[in-house]
PDB file of all heavy atoms in Angstrom:
ATOM      1  N   VAL A   1      13.593   8.417  11.288  1.00  0.00           N
ATOM      2  CA  VAL A   1      13.146   7.756  10.068  1.00  0.00           C
ATOM      3  C   VAL A   1      11.904   6.913  10.320  1.00  0.00           C
ATOM      4  O   VAL A   1      10.984   6.877   9.500  1.00  0.00           O
ATOM      5  CB  VAL A   1      14.279   6.890   9.479  1.00  0.00           C
ATOM      6  CG1 VAL A   1      13.790   6.046   8.320  1.00  0.00           C
ATOM      7  CG2 VAL A   1      15.438   7.757   9.049  1.00  0.00           C
ATOM      8  N   SER A   2      11.824   6.237  11.468  1.00  0.00           N
ATOM      9  CA  SER A   2      10.666   5.399  11.740  1.00  0.00           C
ATOM     10  C   SER A   2       9.388   6.228  11.867  1.00  0.00           C
ATOM     11  O   SER A   2       8.313   5.785  11.460  1.00  0.00           O
ATOM     12  CB  SER A   2      10.881   4.553  12.999  1.00  0.00           C
ATOM     13  OG  SER A   2      11.043   5.366  14.138  1.00  0.00           O
ATOM     14  N   THR A   3       9.505   7.433  12.388  1.00  0.00           N
ATOM     15  CA  THR A   3       8.344   8.328  12.469  1.00  0.00           C
ATOM     16  C   THR A   3       7.867   8.704  11.073  1.00  0.00           C
ATOM     17  O   THR A   3       6.667   8.706  10.796  1.00  0.00           O
ATOM     18  CB  THR A   3       8.695   9.595  13.274  1.00  0.00           C
ATOM     19  OG1 THR A   3       9.141   9.205  14.570  1.00  0.00           O
ATOM     20  CG2 THR A   3       7.517  10.530  13.381  1.00  0.00           C
ATOM     21  N   ALA A   4       8.810   9.010  10.195  1.00  0.00           N
ATOM     22  CA  ALA A   4       8.463   9.351   8.816  1.00  0.00           C
ATOM     23  C   ALA A   4       7.830   8.154   8.112  1.00  0.00           C
ATOM     24  O   ALA A   4       6.831   8.302   7.399  1.00  0.00           O
ATOM     25  CB  ALA A   4       9.705   9.814   8.060  1.00  0.00           C
ATOM     26  N   MET A   5       8.382   6.962   8.327  1.00  0.00           N
ATOM     27  CA  MET A   5       7.823   5.767   7.698  1.00  0.00           C
ATOM     28  C   MET A   5       6.416   5.498   8.215  1.00  0.00           C
ATOM     29  O   MET A   5       5.514   5.178   7.430  1.00  0.00           O
ATOM     30  CB  MET A   5       8.716   4.548   7.959  1.00  0.00           C
ATOM     31  CG  MET A   5      10.016   4.584   7.187  1.00  0.00           C
ATOM     32  SD  MET A   5      10.951   3.028   7.284  1.00  0.00           S
ATOM     33  CE  MET A   5      11.320   2.912   9.029  1.00  0.00           C
ATOM     34  N   LEU A   6       6.215   5.641   9.517  1.00  0.00           N
ATOM     35  CA  LEU A   6       4.895   5.397  10.094  1.00  0.00           C
ATOM     36  C   LEU A   6       3.869   6.377   9.537  1.00  0.00           C
ATOM     37  O   LEU A   6       2.746   5.995   9.208  1.00  0.00           O
ATOM     38  CB  LEU A   6       4.943   5.485  11.619  1.00  0.00           C
ATOM     39  CG  LEU A   6       3.647   5.150  12.351  1.00  0.00           C
ATOM     40  CD1 LEU A   6       3.150   3.756  11.995  1.00  0.00           C
ATOM     41  CD2 LEU A   6       3.840   5.283  13.848  1.00  0.00           C
ATOM     42  N   ARG A   7       4.255   7.619   9.398  1.00  0.00           N
ATOM     43  CA  ARG A   7       3.342   8.615   8.830  1.00  0.00           C
ATOM     44  C   ARG A   7       2.925   8.220   7.410  1.00  0.00           C
ATOM     45  O   ARG A   7       1.765   8.339   7.038  1.00  0.00           O
ATOM     46  CB  ARG A   7       4.013   9.994   8.846  1.00  0.00           C
ATOM     47  CG  ARG A   7       3.087  11.086   8.332  1.00  0.00           C
ATOM     48  CD  ARG A   7       3.592  12.477   8.642  1.00  0.00           C
ATOM     49  NE  ARG A   7       3.412  12.710  10.072  1.00  0.00           N
ATOM     50  CZ  ARG A   7       4.369  13.168  10.891  1.00  0.00           C
ATOM     51  NH1 ARG A   7       5.552  13.451  10.419  1.00  0.00           N
ATOM     52  NH2 ARG A   7       4.131  13.342  12.177  1.00  0.00           N
ATOM     53  N   ARG A   8       3.872   7.741   6.608  1.00  0.00           N
ATOM     54  CA  ARG A   8       3.557   7.344   5.233  1.00  0.00           C
ATOM     55  C   ARG A   8       2.653   6.109   5.209  1.00  0.00           C
ATOM     56  O   ARG A   8       1.730   6.017   4.394  1.00  0.00           O
ATOM     57  CB  ARG A   8       4.823   7.060   4.424  1.00  0.00           C
ATOM     58  CG  ARG A   8       5.788   8.223   4.217  1.00  0.00           C
ATOM     59  CD  ARG A   8       5.119   9.566   4.025  1.00  0.00           C
ATOM     60  NE  ARG A   8       6.040  10.666   3.871  1.00  0.00           N
ATOM     61  CZ  ARG A   8       6.542  11.413   4.862  1.00  0.00           C
ATOM     62  NH1 ARG A   8       6.244  11.157   6.111  1.00  0.00           N
ATOM     63  NH2 ARG A   8       7.339  12.423   4.615  1.00  0.00           N
ATOM     64  N   VAL A   9       2.929   5.156   6.104  1.00  0.00           N
ATOM     65  CA  VAL A   9       2.084   3.964   6.175  1.00  0.00           C
ATOM     66  C   VAL A   9       0.661   4.362   6.548  1.00  0.00           C
ATOM     67  O   VAL A   9      -0.307   3.855   5.968  1.00  0.00           O
ATOM     68  CB  VAL A   9       2.657   2.938   7.178  1.00  0.00           C
ATOM     69  CG1 VAL A   9       1.673   1.810   7.433  1.00  0.00           C
ATOM     70  CG2 VAL A   9       3.982   2.377   6.683  1.00  0.00           C
ATOM     71  N   GLU A  10       0.515   5.272   7.502  1.00  0.00           N
ATOM     72  CA  GLU A  10      -0.820   5.735   7.901  1.00  0.00           C
ATOM     73  C   GLU A  10      -1.537   6.409   6.742  1.00  0.00           C
ATOM     74  O   GLU A  10      -2.744   6.226   6.558  1.00  0.00           O
ATOM     75  CB  GLU A  10      -0.709   6.685   9.094  1.00  0.00           C
ATOM     76  CG  GLU A  10      -0.320   5.977  10.372  1.00  0.00           C
ATOM     77  CD  GLU A  10       0.030   6.914  11.512  1.00  0.00           C
ATOM     78  OE1 GLU A  10       0.225   8.131  11.264  1.00  0.00           O
ATOM     79  OE2 GLU A  10       0.123   6.432  12.655  1.00  0.00           O
ATOM     80  N   GLU A  11      -0.802   7.182   5.944  1.00  0.00           N
ATOM     81  CA  GLU A  11      -1.401   7.818   4.767  1.00  0.00           C
ATOM     82  C   GLU A  11      -1.898   6.756   3.782  1.00  0.00           C
ATOM     83  O   GLU A  11      -3.002   6.865   3.243  1.00  0.00           O
ATOM     84  CB  GLU A  11      -0.384   8.723   4.070  1.00  0.00           C
ATOM     85  CG  GLU A  11      -0.044   9.984   4.827  1.00  0.00           C
ATOM     86  CD  GLU A  11       1.114  10.762   4.197  1.00  0.00           C
ATOM     87  OE1 GLU A  11       1.528  10.435   3.060  1.00  0.00           O
ATOM     88  OE2 GLU A  11       1.611  11.687   4.856  1.00  0.00           O
ATOM     89  N   LEU A  12      -1.071   5.748   3.558  1.00  0.00           N
ATOM     90  CA  LEU A  12      -1.461   4.674   2.651  1.00  0.00           C
ATOM     91  C   LEU A  12      -2.665   3.907   3.187  1.00  0.00           C
ATOM     92  O   LEU A  12      -3.563   3.529   2.420  1.00  0.00           O
ATOM     93  CB  LEU A  12      -0.293   3.719   2.422  1.00  0.00           C
ATOM     94  CG  LEU A  12       0.831   4.251   1.545  1.00  0.00           C
ATOM     95  CD1 LEU A  12       2.028   3.316   1.593  1.00  0.00           C
ATOM     96  CD2 LEU A  12       0.346   4.441   0.122  1.00  0.00           C
ATOM     97  N   GLN A  13      -2.708   3.687   4.502  1.00  0.00           N
ATOM     98  CA  GLN A  13      -3.858   2.990   5.090  1.00  0.00           C
ATOM     99  C   GLN A  13      -5.144   3.780   4.906  1.00  0.00           C
ATOM    100  O   GLN A  13      -6.182   3.205   4.579  1.00  0.00           O
ATOM    101  CB  GLN A  13      -3.615   2.721   6.573  1.00  0.00           C
ATOM    102  CG  GLN A  13      -2.697   1.547   6.820  1.00  0.00           C
ATOM    103  CD  GLN A  13      -2.538   1.261   8.289  1.00  0.00           C
ATOM    104  OE1 GLN A  13      -2.265   2.152   9.091  1.00  0.00           O
ATOM    105  NE2 GLN A  13      -2.704   0.002   8.651  1.00  0.00           N
ATOM    106  N   ARG A  14      -5.080   5.091   5.119  1.00  0.00           N
ATOM    107  CA  ARG A  14      -6.278   5.916   4.916  1.00  0.00           C
ATOM    108  C   ARG A  14      -6.740   5.846   3.463  1.00  0.00           C
ATOM    109  O   ARG A  14      -7.937   5.735   3.183  1.00  0.00           O
ATOM    110  CB  ARG A  14      -6.011   7.363   5.332  1.00  0.00           C
ATOM    111  CG  ARG A  14      -6.069   7.590   6.827  1.00  0.00           C
ATOM    112  CD  ARG A  14      -6.088   9.055   7.174  1.00  0.00           C
ATOM    113  NE  ARG A  14      -4.899   9.770   6.740  1.00  0.00           N
ATOM    114  CZ  ARG A  14      -3.756   9.853   7.436  1.00  0.00           C
ATOM    115  NH1 ARG A  14      -3.655   9.259   8.601  1.00  0.00           N
ATOM    116  NH2 ARG A  14      -2.735  10.524   6.971  1.00  0.00           N
ATOM    117  N   LEU A  15      -5.800   5.913   2.553  1.00  0.00           N
ATOM    118  CA  LEU A  15      -6.148   5.832   1.134  1.00  0.00           C
ATOM    119  C   LEU A  15      -6.744   4.466   0.801  1.00  0.00           C
ATOM    120  O   LEU A  15      -7.782   4.377   0.134  1.00  0.00           O
ATOM    121  CB  LEU A  15      -4.912   6.101   0.276  1.00  0.00           C
ATOM    122  CG  LEU A  15      -5.115   6.064  -1.233  1.00  0.00           C
ATOM    123  CD1 LEU A  15      -6.139   7.101  -1.668  1.00  0.00           C
ATOM    124  CD2 LEU A  15      -3.788   6.286  -1.936  1.00  0.00           C
ATOM    125  N   ALA A  16      -6.123   3.409   1.284  1.00  0.00           N
ATOM    126  CA  ALA A  16      -6.622   2.058   1.014  1.00  0.00           C
ATOM    127  C   ALA A  16      -8.004   1.852   1.617  1.00  0.00           C
ATOM    128  O   ALA A  16      -8.855   1.200   1.014  1.00  0.00           O
ATOM    129  CB  ALA A  16      -5.644   1.017   1.561  1.00  0.00           C
ATOM    130  N   ASP A  17      -8.235   2.408   2.795  1.00  0.00           N
ATOM    131  CA  ASP A  17      -9.539   2.260   3.443  1.00  0.00           C
ATOM    132  C   ASP A  17     -10.639   3.032   2.716  1.00  0.00           C
ATOM    133  O   ASP A  17     -11.818   2.755   2.920  1.00  0.00           O
ATOM    134  CB  ASP A  17      -9.473   2.714   4.898  1.00  0.00           C
ATOM    135  CG  ASP A  17      -8.683   1.759   5.768  1.00  0.00           C
ATOM    136  OD1 ASP A  17      -8.436   0.613   5.328  1.00  0.00           O
ATOM    137  OD2 ASP A  17      -8.295   2.152   6.884  1.00  0.00           O
ATOM    138  N   SER A  18     -10.243   3.980   1.881  1.00  0.00           N
ATOM    139  CA  SER A  18     -11.237   4.776   1.164  1.00  0.00           C
ATOM    140  C   SER A  18     -11.649   4.137  -0.171  1.00  0.00           C
ATOM    141  O   SER A  18     -12.579   4.611  -0.808  1.00  0.00           O
ATOM    142  CB  SER A  18     -10.705   6.195   0.910  1.00  0.00           C
ATOM    143  OG  SER A  18      -9.677   6.177  -0.067  1.00  0.00           O
ATOM    144  N   ILE A  19     -10.960   3.081  -0.569  1.00  0.00           N
ATOM    145  CA  ILE A  19     -11.321   2.425  -1.827  1.00  0.00           C
ATOM    146  C   ILE A  19     -12.263   1.265  -1.550  1.00  0.00           C
ATOM    147  O   ILE A  19     -12.433   0.848  -0.414  1.00  0.00           O
ATOM    148  CB  ILE A  19     -10.071   1.948  -2.615  1.00  0.00           C
ATOM    149  CG1 ILE A  19      -9.308   0.886  -1.827  1.00  0.00           C
ATOM    150  CG2 ILE A  19      -9.184   3.118  -2.965  1.00  0.00           C
ATOM    151  CD1 ILE A  19      -8.175   0.252  -2.604  1.00  0.00           C
ATOM    152  N   ALA A  20     -12.831   0.756  -2.578  1.00  0.00           N
ATOM    153  CA  ALA A  20     -13.823  -0.311  -2.438  1.00  0.00           C
ATOM    154  C   ALA A  20     -13.186  -1.593  -1.904  1.00  0.00           C
ATOM    155  O   ALA A  20     -12.225  -2.096  -2.473  1.00  0.00           O
ATOM    156  CB  ALA A  20     -14.475  -0.573  -3.791  1.00  0.00           C
ATOM    157  N   GLU A  21     -13.767  -2.103  -0.822  1.00  0.00           N
ATOM    158  CA  GLU A  21     -13.251  -3.320  -0.222  1.00  0.00           C
ATOM    159  C   GLU A  21     -13.542  -4.553  -1.081  1.00  0.00           C
ATOM    160  O   GLU A  21     -12.974  -5.610  -0.835  1.00  0.00           O
ATOM    161  CB  GLU A  21     -13.845  -3.510   1.172  1.00  0.00           C
ATOM    162  CG  GLU A  21     -13.360  -2.483   2.154  1.00  0.00           C
ATOM    163  CD  GLU A  21     -13.931  -2.692   3.555  1.00  0.00           C
ATOM    164  OE1 GLU A  21     -14.475  -3.774   3.818  1.00  0.00           O
ATOM    165  OE2 GLU A  21     -13.821  -1.759   4.351  1.00  0.00           O
ATOM    166  N   HIS A  22     -14.391  -4.423  -2.058  1.00  0.00           N
ATOM    167  CA  HIS A  22     -14.700  -5.572  -2.909  1.00  0.00           C
ATOM    168  C   HIS A  22     -13.681  -5.758  -4.027  1.00  0.00           C
ATOM    169  O   HIS A  22     -13.748  -6.729  -4.762  1.00  0.00           O
ATOM    170  CB  HIS A  22     -16.111  -5.450  -3.489  1.00  0.00           C
ATOM    171  CG  HIS A  22     -16.280  -4.293  -4.406  1.00  0.00           C
ATOM    172  ND1 HIS A  22     -16.644  -3.047  -3.939  1.00  0.00           N
ATOM    173  CD2 HIS A  22     -16.127  -4.177  -5.743  1.00  0.00           C
ATOM    174  CE1 HIS A  22     -16.708  -2.218  -4.969  1.00  0.00           C
ATOM    175  NE2 HIS A  22     -16.397  -2.867  -6.064  1.00  0.00           N
ATOM    176  N   HIS A  23     -12.726  -4.837  -4.162  1.00  0.00           N
ATOM    177  CA  HIS A  23     -11.698  -4.987  -5.191  1.00  0.00           C
ATOM    178  C   HIS A  23     -10.867  -6.228  -4.866  1.00  0.00           C
ATOM    179  O   HIS A  23     -10.519  -6.461  -3.712  1.00  0.00           O
ATOM    180  CB  HIS A  23     -10.808  -3.736  -5.229  1.00  0.00           C
ATOM    181  CG  HIS A  23      -9.903  -3.710  -6.415  1.00  0.00           C
ATOM    182  ND1 HIS A  23      -8.755  -4.469  -6.472  1.00  0.00           N
ATOM    183  CD2 HIS A  23      -9.972  -3.039  -7.579  1.00  0.00           C
ATOM    184  CE1 HIS A  23      -8.152  -4.266  -7.629  1.00  0.00           C
ATOM    185  NE2 HIS A  23      -8.888  -3.393  -8.325  1.00  0.00           N
ATOM    186  N   PRO A  24     -10.536  -7.041  -5.853  1.00  0.00           N
ATOM    187  CA  PRO A  24      -9.826  -8.299  -5.577  1.00  0.00           C
ATOM    188  C   PRO A  24      -8.438  -8.127  -4.954  1.00  0.00           C
ATOM    189  O   PRO A  24      -7.939  -9.045  -4.311  1.00  0.00           O
ATOM    190  CB  PRO A  24      -9.729  -8.978  -6.950  1.00  0.00           C
ATOM    191  CG  PRO A  24      -9.989  -7.908  -7.952  1.00  0.00           C
ATOM    192  CD  PRO A  24     -10.832  -6.866  -7.276  1.00  0.00           C
ATOM    193  N   TYR A  25      -7.829  -6.975  -5.117  1.00  0.00           N
ATOM    194  CA  TYR A  25      -6.495  -6.758  -4.535  1.00  0.00           C
ATOM    195  C   TYR A  25      -6.563  -6.154  -3.132  1.00  0.00           C
ATOM    196  O   TYR A  25      -5.558  -6.072  -2.439  1.00  0.00           O
ATOM    197  CB  TYR A  25      -5.655  -5.827  -5.407  1.00  0.00           C
ATOM    198  CG  TYR A  25      -5.411  -6.304  -6.812  1.00  0.00           C
ATOM    199  CD1 TYR A  25      -4.959  -5.425  -7.776  1.00  0.00           C
ATOM    200  CD2 TYR A  25      -5.638  -7.626  -7.194  1.00  0.00           C
ATOM    201  CE1 TYR A  25      -4.725  -5.844  -9.076  1.00  0.00           C
ATOM    202  CE2 TYR A  25      -5.417  -8.046  -8.491  1.00  0.00           C
ATOM    203  CZ  TYR A  25      -4.948  -7.152  -9.425  1.00  0.00           C
ATOM    204  OH  TYR A  25      -4.719  -7.561 -10.706  1.00  0.00           O
ATOM    205  N   TRP A  26      -7.731  -5.699  -2.733  1.00  0.00           N
ATOM    206  CA  TRP A  26      -7.848  -4.992  -1.467  1.00  0.00           C
ATOM    207  C   TRP A  26      -7.369  -5.798  -0.260  1.00  0.00           C
ATOM    208  O   TRP A  26      -6.626  -5.277   0.562  1.00  0.00           O
ATOM    209  CB  TRP A  26      -9.279  -4.485  -1.244  1.00  0.00           C
ATOM    210  CG  TRP A  26      -9.380  -3.614  -0.037  1.00  0.00           C
ATOM    211  CD1 TRP A  26      -9.163  -2.269   0.011  1.00  0.00           C
ATOM    212  CD2 TRP A  26      -9.673  -4.012   1.302  1.00  0.00           C
ATOM    213  NE1 TRP A  26      -9.310  -1.801   1.295  1.00  0.00           N
ATOM    214  CE2 TRP A  26      -9.616  -2.866   2.113  1.00  0.00           C
ATOM    215  CE3 TRP A  26      -9.966  -5.225   1.901  1.00  0.00           C
ATOM    216  CZ2 TRP A  26      -9.855  -2.897   3.481  1.00  0.00           C
ATOM    217  CZ3 TRP A  26     -10.209  -5.250   3.267  1.00  0.00           C
ATOM    218  CH2 TRP A  26     -10.151  -4.096   4.035  1.00  0.00           C
ATOM    219  N   PRO A  27      -7.747  -7.064  -0.101  1.00  0.00           N
ATOM    220  CA  PRO A  27      -7.267  -7.808   1.069  1.00  0.00           C
ATOM    221  C   PRO A  27      -5.743  -7.901   1.126  1.00  0.00           C
ATOM    222  O   PRO A  27      -5.149  -7.736   2.197  1.00  0.00           O
ATOM    223  CB  PRO A  27      -7.903  -9.193   0.911  1.00  0.00           C
ATOM    224  CG  PRO A  27      -9.119  -8.950   0.084  1.00  0.00           C
ATOM    225  CD  PRO A  27      -8.718  -7.855  -0.870  1.00  0.00           C
ATOM    226  N   ALA A  28      -5.099  -8.128  -0.001  1.00  0.00           N
ATOM    227  CA  ALA A  28      -3.633  -8.198  -0.013  1.00  0.00           C
ATOM    228  C   ALA A  28      -3.037  -6.855   0.395  1.00  0.00           C
ATOM    229  O   ALA A  28      -2.084  -6.795   1.188  1.00  0.00           O
ATOM    230  CB  ALA A  28      -3.129  -8.614  -1.394  1.00  0.00           C
ATOM    231  N   LEU A  29      -3.591  -5.777  -0.106  1.00  0.00           N
ATOM    232  CA  LEU A  29      -3.123  -4.444   0.257  1.00  0.00           C
ATOM    233  C   LEU A  29      -3.347  -4.173   1.738  1.00  0.00           C
ATOM    234  O   LEU A  29      -2.453  -3.704   2.449  1.00  0.00           O
ATOM    235  CB  LEU A  29      -3.840  -3.398  -0.596  1.00  0.00           C
ATOM    236  CG  LEU A  29      -3.520  -1.925  -0.300  1.00  0.00           C
ATOM    237  CD1 LEU A  29      -2.049  -1.638  -0.554  1.00  0.00           C
ATOM    238  CD2 LEU A  29      -4.408  -1.027  -1.129  1.00  0.00           C
ATOM    239  N   HIS A  30      -4.530  -4.496   2.220  1.00  0.00           N
ATOM    240  CA  HIS A  30      -4.887  -4.253   3.618  1.00  0.00           C
ATOM    241  C   HIS A  30      -3.942  -4.976   4.573  1.00  0.00           C
ATOM    242  O   HIS A  30      -3.385  -4.367   5.492  1.00  0.00           O
ATOM    243  CB  HIS A  30      -6.334  -4.697   3.848  1.00  0.00           C
ATOM    244  CG  HIS A  30      -6.749  -4.658   5.271  1.00  0.00           C
ATOM    245  ND1 HIS A  30      -7.030  -3.480   5.930  1.00  0.00           N
ATOM    246  CD2 HIS A  30      -6.904  -5.647   6.179  1.00  0.00           C
ATOM    247  CE1 HIS A  30      -7.349  -3.754   7.186  1.00  0.00           C
ATOM    248  NE2 HIS A  30      -7.286  -5.059   7.357  1.00  0.00           N
ATOM    249  N   PHE A  31      -3.749  -6.265   4.369  1.00  0.00           N
ATOM    250  CA  PHE A  31      -2.899  -7.030   5.285  1.00  0.00           C
ATOM    251  C   PHE A  31      -1.425  -6.680   5.137  1.00  0.00           C
ATOM    252  O   PHE A  31      -0.675  -6.701   6.118  1.00  0.00           O
ATOM    253  CB  PHE A  31      -3.138  -8.530   5.107  1.00  0.00           C
ATOM    254  CG  PHE A  31      -4.483  -8.964   5.615  1.00  0.00           C
ATOM    255  CD1 PHE A  31      -5.425  -9.489   4.752  1.00  0.00           C
ATOM    256  CD2 PHE A  31      -4.822  -8.829   6.950  1.00  0.00           C
ATOM    257  CE1 PHE A  31      -6.674  -9.885   5.215  1.00  0.00           C
ATOM    258  CE2 PHE A  31      -6.068  -9.212   7.431  1.00  0.00           C
ATOM    259  CZ  PHE A  31      -6.992  -9.741   6.556  1.00  0.00           C
ATOM    260  N   THR A  32      -1.002  -6.310   3.938  1.00  0.00           N
ATOM    261  CA  THR A  32       0.383  -5.865   3.746  1.00  0.00           C
ATOM    262  C   THR A  32       0.639  -4.580   4.533  1.00  0.00           C
ATOM    263  O   THR A  32       1.675  -4.448   5.206  1.00  0.00           O
ATOM    264  CB  THR A  32       0.680  -5.639   2.252  1.00  0.00           C
ATOM    265  OG1 THR A  32       0.512  -6.876   1.558  1.00  0.00           O
ATOM    266  CG2 THR A  32       2.086  -5.115   2.032  1.00  0.00           C
ATOM    267  N   LEU A  33      -0.294  -3.649   4.462  1.00  0.00           N
ATOM    268  CA  LEU A  33      -0.134  -2.399   5.205  1.00  0.00           C
ATOM    269  C   LEU A  33      -0.191  -2.624   6.714  1.00  0.00           C
ATOM    270  O   LEU A  33       0.534  -1.967   7.470  1.00  0.00           O
ATOM    271  CB  LEU A  33      -1.180  -1.380   4.763  1.00  0.00           C
ATOM    272  CG  LEU A  33      -0.975  -0.809   3.358  1.00  0.00           C
ATOM    273  CD1 LEU A  33      -2.179   0.013   2.932  1.00  0.00           C
ATOM    274  CD2 LEU A  33       0.297   0.021   3.298  1.00  0.00           C
ATOM    275  N   GLN A  34      -1.031  -3.561   7.161  1.00  0.00           N
ATOM    276  CA  GLN A  34      -1.077  -3.888   8.585  1.00  0.00           C
ATOM    277  C   GLN A  34       0.264  -4.449   9.044  1.00  0.00           C
ATOM    278  O   GLN A  34       0.774  -4.076  10.106  1.00  0.00           O
ATOM    279  CB  GLN A  34      -2.191  -4.912   8.856  1.00  0.00           C
ATOM    280  CG  GLN A  34      -3.582  -4.366   8.701  1.00  0.00           C
ATOM    281  CD  GLN A  34      -3.945  -3.410   9.824  1.00  0.00           C
ATOM    282  OE1 GLN A  34      -3.636  -3.643  10.971  1.00  0.00           O
ATOM    283  NE2 GLN A  34      -4.605  -2.328   9.472  1.00  0.00           N
ATOM    284  N   LEU A  35       0.834  -5.339   8.253  1.00  0.00           N
ATOM    285  CA  LEU A  35       2.136  -5.923   8.570  1.00  0.00           C
ATOM    286  C   LEU A  35       3.222  -4.856   8.587  1.00  0.00           C
ATOM    287  O   LEU A  35       4.026  -4.780   9.523  1.00  0.00           O
ATOM    288  CB  LEU A  35       2.471  -7.020   7.557  1.00  0.00           C
ATOM    289  CG  LEU A  35       3.816  -7.720   7.709  1.00  0.00           C
ATOM    290  CD1 LEU A  35       3.907  -8.461   9.035  1.00  0.00           C
ATOM    291  CD2 LEU A  35       4.028  -8.679   6.548  1.00  0.00           C
TER     292      LEU A  35
END
């Protein structure tokens, strides 16, 4: 299960990294995904 969860988190990180970093929600999303 942890492998599956990690794969999904990595997918979300790639998607988040592809959006504009100037969006006001981006920092919250970025640090949440890092955590």
